[in-house]
Amino acid sequence: MAEVLVWQKSSFSEGGDAPNCIEVAAARESLLLRESEEPGTVMTTGRQQLTALIRHLRTT
């Protein structure tokens, strides 16, 4: 059976149904990221890697 993904918008994205949103979904052992204008293009990462990226971006 296929896993059902629940996509959540970033709190930094514009409100409503704006097309310029970053969305994240939790899969079994990874996190999935996509840009709302290109929902078919999905990047897979781990929790530790995404946490490191966010920390780095906050300090720059």
PDB file of N, CA and C in Angstrom:
ATOM      1  N   MET A   1       0.839  -1.172   0.000  1.00  0.00           N
ATOM      2  CA  MET A   1       0.000   0.000   0.000  1.00  0.00           C
ATOM      3  C   MET A   1       0.891   1.245   0.000  1.00  0.00           C
ATOM      4  N   ALA A   2       0.515   2.245  -0.779  1.00  0.00           N
ATOM      5  CA  ALA A   2       1.288   3.478  -0.894  1.00  0.00           C
ATOM      6  C   ALA A   2       1.121   4.337   0.354  1.00  0.00           C
ATOM      7  N   GLU A   3       2.204   4.973   0.737  1.00  0.00           N
ATOM      8  CA  GLU A   3       2.183   5.860   1.891  1.00  0.00           C
ATOM      9  C   GLU A   3       1.486   7.173   1.525  1.00  0.00           C
ATOM     10  N   VAL A   4       0.596   7.634   2.386  1.00  0.00           N
ATOM     11  CA  VAL A   4      -0.103   8.898   2.165  1.00  0.00           C
ATOM     12  C   VAL A   4       0.712  10.009   2.811  1.00  0.00           C
ATOM     13  N   LEU A   5       1.085  11.018   2.011  1.00  0.00           N
ATOM     14  CA  LEU A   5       1.887  12.119   2.516  1.00  0.00           C
ATOM     15  C   LEU A   5       0.989  13.305   2.837  1.00  0.00           C
ATOM     16  N   VAL A   6       1.272  13.950   3.953  1.00  0.00           N
ATOM     17  CA  VAL A   6       0.567  15.171   4.336  1.00  0.00           C
ATOM     18  C   VAL A   6       1.567  16.304   4.224  1.00  0.00           C
ATOM     19  N   TRP A   7       1.356  17.188   3.251  1.00  0.00           N
ATOM     20  CA  TRP A   7       2.267  18.301   2.997  1.00  0.00           C
ATOM     21  C   TRP A   7       1.867  19.496   3.849  1.00  0.00           C
ATOM     22  N   GLN A   8       2.863  20.151   4.462  1.00  0.00           N
ATOM     23  CA  GLN A   8       2.634  21.346   5.273  1.00  0.00           C
ATOM     24  C   GLN A   8       3.445  22.490   4.706  1.00  0.00           C
ATOM     25  N   LYS A   9       2.838  23.678   4.657  1.00  0.00           N
ATOM     26  CA  LYS A   9       3.538  24.880   4.182  1.00  0.00           C
ATOM     27  C   LYS A   9       4.458  25.418   5.256  1.00  0.00           C
ATOM     28  N   SER A  10       5.530  26.015   4.812  1.00  0.00           N
ATOM     29  CA  SER A  10       6.417  26.725   5.718  1.00  0.00           C
ATOM     30  C   SER A  10       5.694  27.934   6.290  1.00  0.00           C
ATOM     31  N   SER A  11       5.951  28.240   7.538  1.00  0.00           N
ATOM     32  CA  SER A  11       5.346  29.423   8.154  1.00  0.00           C
ATOM     33  C   SER A  11       5.911  30.704   7.561  1.00  0.00           C
ATOM     34  N   PHE A  12       7.013  30.613   6.812  1.00  0.00           N
ATOM     35  CA  PHE A  12       7.601  31.788   6.176  1.00  0.00           C
ATOM     36  C   PHE A  12       7.037  32.040   4.786  1.00  0.00           C
ATOM     37  N   SER A  13       6.212  31.129   4.289  1.00  0.00           N
ATOM     38  CA  SER A  13       5.592  31.299   2.977  1.00  0.00           C
ATOM     39  C   SER A  13       4.455  32.302   3.068  1.00  0.00           C
ATOM     40  N   GLU A  14       4.127  32.897   1.929  1.00  0.00           N
ATOM     41  CA  GLU A  14       3.012  33.833   1.909  1.00  0.00           C
ATOM     42  C   GLU A  14       1.734  33.093   2.261  1.00  0.00           C
ATOM     43  N   GLY A  15       0.768  33.809   2.816  1.00  0.00           N
ATOM     44  CA  GLY A  15      -0.485  33.202   3.225  1.00  0.00           C
ATOM     45  C   GLY A  15      -1.352  32.785   2.065  1.00  0.00           C
ATOM     46  N   GLY A  16      -2.453  32.137   2.369  1.00  0.00           N
ATOM     47  CA  GLY A  16      -3.407  31.718   1.349  1.00  0.00           C
ATOM     48  C   GLY A  16      -2.848  30.637   0.444  1.00  0.00           C
ATOM     49  N   ASP A  17      -3.225  30.688  -0.811  1.00  0.00           N
ATOM     50  CA  ASP A  17      -2.775  29.693  -1.782  1.00  0.00           C
ATOM     51  C   ASP A  17      -1.701  30.251  -2.704  1.00  0.00           C
ATOM     52  N   ALA A  18      -0.844  31.102  -2.180  1.00  0.00           N
ATOM     53  CA  ALA A  18       0.234  31.683  -2.982  1.00  0.00           C
ATOM     54  C   ALA A  18       1.093  30.561  -3.558  1.00  0.00           C
ATOM     55  N   PRO A  19       1.568  30.711  -4.795  1.00  0.00           N
ATOM     56  CA  PRO A  19       2.310  29.645  -5.451  1.00  0.00           C
ATOM     57  C   PRO A  19       3.782  29.553  -5.053  1.00  0.00           C
ATOM     58  N   ASN A  20       4.272  30.444  -4.219  1.00  0.00           N
ATOM     59  CA  ASN A  20       5.698  30.445  -3.880  1.00  0.00           C
ATOM     60  C   ASN A  20       5.918  29.937  -2.458  1.00  0.00           C
ATOM     61  N   CYS A  21       5.580  28.689  -2.220  1.00  0.00           N
ATOM     62  CA  CYS A  21       5.650  28.103  -0.885  1.00  0.00           C
ATOM     63  C   CYS A  21       6.582  26.901  -0.863  1.00  0.00           C
ATOM     64  N   ILE A  22       7.292  26.763   0.227  1.00  0.00           N
ATOM     65  CA  ILE A  22       8.059  25.555   0.482  1.00  0.00           C
ATOM     66  C   ILE A  22       7.178  24.674   1.349  1.00  0.00           C
ATOM     67  N   GLU A  23       7.076  23.404   0.963  1.00  0.00           N
ATOM     68  CA  GLU A  23       6.248  22.459   1.699  1.00  0.00           C
ATOM     69  C   GLU A  23       7.104  21.285   2.158  1.00  0.00           C
ATOM     70  N   VAL A  24       6.743  20.711   3.299  1.00  0.00           N
ATOM     71  CA  VAL A  24       7.477  19.582   3.853  1.00  0.00           C
ATOM     72  C   VAL A  24       6.482  18.483   4.224  1.00  0.00           C
ATOM     73  N   ALA A  25       6.916  17.236   4.058  1.00  0.00           N
ATOM     74  CA  ALA A  25       6.121  16.077   4.461  1.00  0.00           C
ATOM     75  C   ALA A  25       7.060  15.063   5.109  1.00  0.00           C
ATOM     76  N   ALA A  26       6.552  14.361   6.098  1.00  0.00           N
ATOM     77  CA  ALA A  26       7.335  13.327   6.763  1.00  0.00           C
ATOM     78  C   ALA A  26       7.031  11.983   6.124  1.00  0.00           C
ATOM     79  N   ALA A  27       8.075  11.311   5.682  1.00  0.00           N
ATOM     80  CA  ALA A  27       7.954   9.953   5.160  1.00  0.00           C
ATOM     81  C   ALA A  27       8.459   9.006   6.255  1.00  0.00           C
ATOM     82  N   ARG A  28       8.516   7.748   5.971  1.00  0.00           N
ATOM     83  CA  ARG A  28       8.895   6.770   7.004  1.00  0.00           C
ATOM     84  C   ARG A  28      10.214   7.101   7.691  1.00  0.00           C
ATOM     85  N   GLU A  29      11.262   7.282   6.917  1.00  0.00           N
ATOM     86  CA  GLU A  29      12.566   7.539   7.535  1.00  0.00           C
ATOM     87  C   GLU A  29      13.245   8.768   6.961  1.00  0.00           C
ATOM     88  N   SER A  30      12.483   9.661   6.355  1.00  0.00           N
ATOM     89  CA  SER A  30      13.072  10.859   5.766  1.00  0.00           C
ATOM     90  C   SER A  30      12.050  11.980   5.735  1.00  0.00           C
ATOM     91  N   LEU A  31      12.523  13.147   5.359  1.00  0.00           N
ATOM     92  CA  LEU A  31      11.659  14.298   5.154  1.00  0.00           C
ATOM     93  C   LEU A  31      11.684  14.641   3.679  1.00  0.00           C
ATOM     94  N   LEU A  32      10.561  15.066   3.165  1.00  0.00           N
ATOM     95  CA  LEU A  32      10.455  15.426   1.764  1.00  0.00           C
ATOM     96  C   LEU A  32      10.166  16.911   1.663  1.00  0.00           C
ATOM     97  N   LEU A  33      10.832  17.579   0.739  1.00  0.00           N
ATOM     98  CA  LEU A  33      10.640  19.004   0.513  1.00  0.00           C
ATOM     99  C   LEU A  33      10.249  19.227  -0.932  1.00  0.00           C
ATOM    100  N   ARG A  34       9.370  20.184  -1.159  1.00  0.00           N
ATOM    101  CA  ARG A  34       9.004  20.557  -2.520  1.00  0.00           C
ATOM    102  C   ARG A  34       8.621  22.028  -2.558  1.00  0.00           C
ATOM    103  N   GLU A  35       8.707  22.590  -3.742  1.00  0.00           N
ATOM    104  CA  GLU A  35       8.304  23.974  -3.979  1.00  0.00           C
ATOM    105  C   GLU A  35       6.933  23.890  -4.621  1.00  0.00           C
ATOM    106  N   SER A  36       5.984  24.671  -4.140  1.00  0.00           N
ATOM    107  CA  SER A  36       4.589  24.506  -4.558  1.00  0.00           C
ATOM    108  C   SER A  36       4.359  24.720  -6.053  1.00  0.00           C
ATOM    109  N   GLU A  37       5.216  25.483  -6.719  1.00  0.00           N
ATOM    110  CA  GLU A  37       5.065  25.666  -8.168  1.00  0.00           C
ATOM    111  C   GLU A  37       5.506  24.431  -8.950  1.00  0.00           C
ATOM    112  N   GLU A  38       6.299  23.568  -8.321  1.00  0.00           N
ATOM    113  CA  GLU A  38       6.807  22.342  -8.961  1.00  0.00           C
ATOM    114  C   GLU A  38       6.553  21.148  -8.035  1.00  0.00           C
ATOM    115  N   PRO A  39       5.291  20.800  -7.766  1.00  0.00           N
ATOM    116  CA  PRO A  39       5.013  19.746  -6.784  1.00  0.00           C
ATOM    117  C   PRO A  39       5.515  18.365  -7.173  1.00  0.00           C
ATOM    118  N   GLY A  40       5.828  18.154  -8.437  1.00  0.00           N
ATOM    119  CA  GLY A  40       6.354  16.861  -8.861  1.00  0.00           C
ATOM    120  C   GLY A  40       7.837  16.695  -8.605  1.00  0.00           C
ATOM    121  N   THR A  41       8.523  17.789  -8.297  1.00  0.00           N
ATOM    122  CA  THR A  41       9.950  17.746  -7.993  1.00  0.00           C
ATOM    123  C   THR A  41      10.107  17.743  -6.479  1.00  0.00           C
ATOM    124  N   VAL A  42      10.592  16.633  -5.941  1.00  0.00           N
ATOM    125  CA  VAL A  42      10.670  16.448  -4.495  1.00  0.00           C
ATOM    126  C   VAL A  42      12.111  16.141  -4.102  1.00  0.00           C
ATOM    127  N   MET A  43      12.583  16.790  -3.051  1.00  0.00           N
ATOM    128  CA  MET A  43      13.916  16.549  -2.514  1.00  0.00           C
ATOM    129  C   MET A  43      13.765  15.748  -1.223  1.00  0.00           C
ATOM    130  N   THR A  44      14.564  14.725  -1.059  1.00  0.00           N
ATOM    131  CA  THR A  44      14.537  13.893   0.139  1.00  0.00           C
ATOM    132  C   THR A  44      15.738  14.226   1.013  1.00  0.00           C
ATOM    133  N   THR A  45      15.497  14.346   2.307  1.00  0.00           N
ATOM    134  CA  THR A  45      16.577  14.634   3.242  1.00  0.00           C
ATOM    135  C   THR A  45      16.258  13.962   4.579  1.00  0.00           C
ATOM    136  N   GLY A  46      17.213  13.993   5.467  1.00  0.00           N
ATOM    137  CA  GLY A  46      17.019  13.458   6.811  1.00  0.00           C
ATOM    138  C   GLY A  46      16.752  14.587   7.799  1.00  0.00           C
ATOM    139  N   ARG A  47      16.265  14.228   8.953  1.00  0.00           N
ATOM    140  CA  ARG A  47      15.952  15.233   9.981  1.00  0.00           C
ATOM    141  C   ARG A  47      17.206  16.004  10.405  1.00  0.00           C
ATOM    142  N   GLN A  48      18.305  15.298  10.620  1.00  0.00           N
ATOM    143  CA  GLN A  48      19.540  15.963  11.048  1.00  0.00           C
ATOM    144  C   GLN A  48      20.055  16.915   9.981  1.00  0.00           C
ATOM    145  N   GLN A  49      19.990  16.511   8.729  1.00  0.00           N
ATOM    146  CA  GLN A  49      20.483  17.350   7.644  1.00  0.00           C
ATOM    147  C   GLN A  49      19.628  18.604   7.483  1.00  0.00           C
ATOM    148  N   LEU A  50      18.310  18.460   7.577  1.00  0.00           N
ATOM    149  CA  LEU A  50      17.430  19.620   7.459  1.00  0.00           C
ATOM    150  C   LEU A  50      17.617  20.562   8.647  1.00  0.00           C
ATOM    151  N   THR A  51      17.780  20.015   9.830  1.00  0.00           N
ATOM    152  CA  THR A  51      18.031  20.839  11.012  1.00  0.00           C
ATOM    153  C   THR A  51      19.319  21.625  10.847  1.00  0.00           C
ATOM    154  N   ALA A  52      20.381  20.997  10.349  1.00  0.00           N
ATOM    155  CA  ALA A  52      21.654  21.681  10.120  1.00  0.00           C
ATOM    156  C   ALA A  52      21.496  22.792   9.095  1.00  0.00           C
ATOM    157  N   LEU A  53      20.749  22.547   8.019  1.00  0.00           N
ATOM    158  CA  LEU A  53      20.527  23.571   6.998  1.00  0.00           C
ATOM    159  C   LEU A  53      19.784  24.763   7.582  1.00  0.00           C
ATOM    160  N   ILE A  54      18.731  24.520   8.317  1.00  0.00           N
ATOM    161  CA  ILE A  54      17.940  25.612   8.912  1.00  0.00           C
ATOM    162  C   ILE A  54      18.798  26.419   9.877  1.00  0.00           C
ATOM    163  N   ARG A  55      19.579  25.746  10.711  1.00  0.00           N
ATOM    164  CA  ARG A  55      20.469  26.465  11.644  1.00  0.00           C
ATOM    165  C   ARG A  55      21.459  27.336  10.885  1.00  0.00           C
ATOM    166  N   HIS A  56      22.028  26.798   9.830  1.00  0.00           N
ATOM    167  CA  HIS A  56      22.985  27.558   9.029  1.00  0.00           C
ATOM    168  C   HIS A  56      22.316  28.776   8.395  1.00  0.00           C
ATOM    169  N   LEU A  57      21.141  28.589   7.828  1.00  0.00           N
ATOM    170  CA  LEU A  57      20.447  29.690   7.175  1.00  0.00           C
ATOM    171  C   LEU A  57      20.047  30.799   8.163  1.00  0.00           C
ATOM    172  N   ARG A  58      19.750  30.423   9.372  1.00  0.00           N
ATOM    173  CA  ARG A  58      19.382  31.418  10.391  1.00  0.00           C
ATOM    174  C   ARG A  58      20.566  32.299  10.798  1.00  0.00           C
ATOM    175  N   THR A  59      21.776  31.767  10.650  1.00  0.00           N
ATOM    176  CA  THR A  59      22.952  32.531  11.067  1.00  0.00           C
ATOM    177  C   THR A  59      23.552  33.347   9.942  1.00  0.00           C
ATOM    178  N   THR A  60      23.051  33.178   8.719  1.00  0.00           N
ATOM    179  CA  THR A  60      23.590  33.946   7.595  1.00  0.00           C
ATOM    180  C   THR A  60      22.726  35.120   7.252  1.00  0.00           C
TER     181      THR A  60
END
